[in-house]
Amino acid sequence: QVQLVESGGGSVQAGGSLRLSCAASGRTFSSYAMGWFRQAPGKEREFVAAVTWSGAETYYSDSVKDRFTISRENAKNTVYLQMNSLNPEDTAVYYCARKRAPYSNPGFRDTGYDSWGQGTQVTVSS
């Protein structure tokens, strides 16, 4: 079972930036698509961004497109989420997740991912 550990969360003012990291254990990281999801208080978990196993393709929700950038370094078993122009609506716990099957396309549904990190809190104040 892979272990995913997120870091980089914190508190920022609106307009600020944060960079989240997710480090994965094991030797198969480069075979799996990875995703970022978030969950705000009282809301369901929602898709944020995803990247293919090779890193060649990326996908974003409409709410973060053009502000967030997902990337990965397979040599470091790490996926990143660069978040710019943050606003209070981005406040949530952010989770990274590994796709259920290797060499499969990323999906938008959390049910397609079977390994999850513990989450990192992002708080944006106005």
Foldseek 3Di string as FASTA:
>chain_A
DKAKAKDWADEEAAQAKIKMKIAIDDDCLLFWKKFKWWDDPPGDIWGAKIAGSNRPDIDGDPVQPPFWDWGDDSVRRMIMIIGGRDDQVPWTWMKMFTAPDTRDDDDGDPVRTDYIYPTDTHGYHD
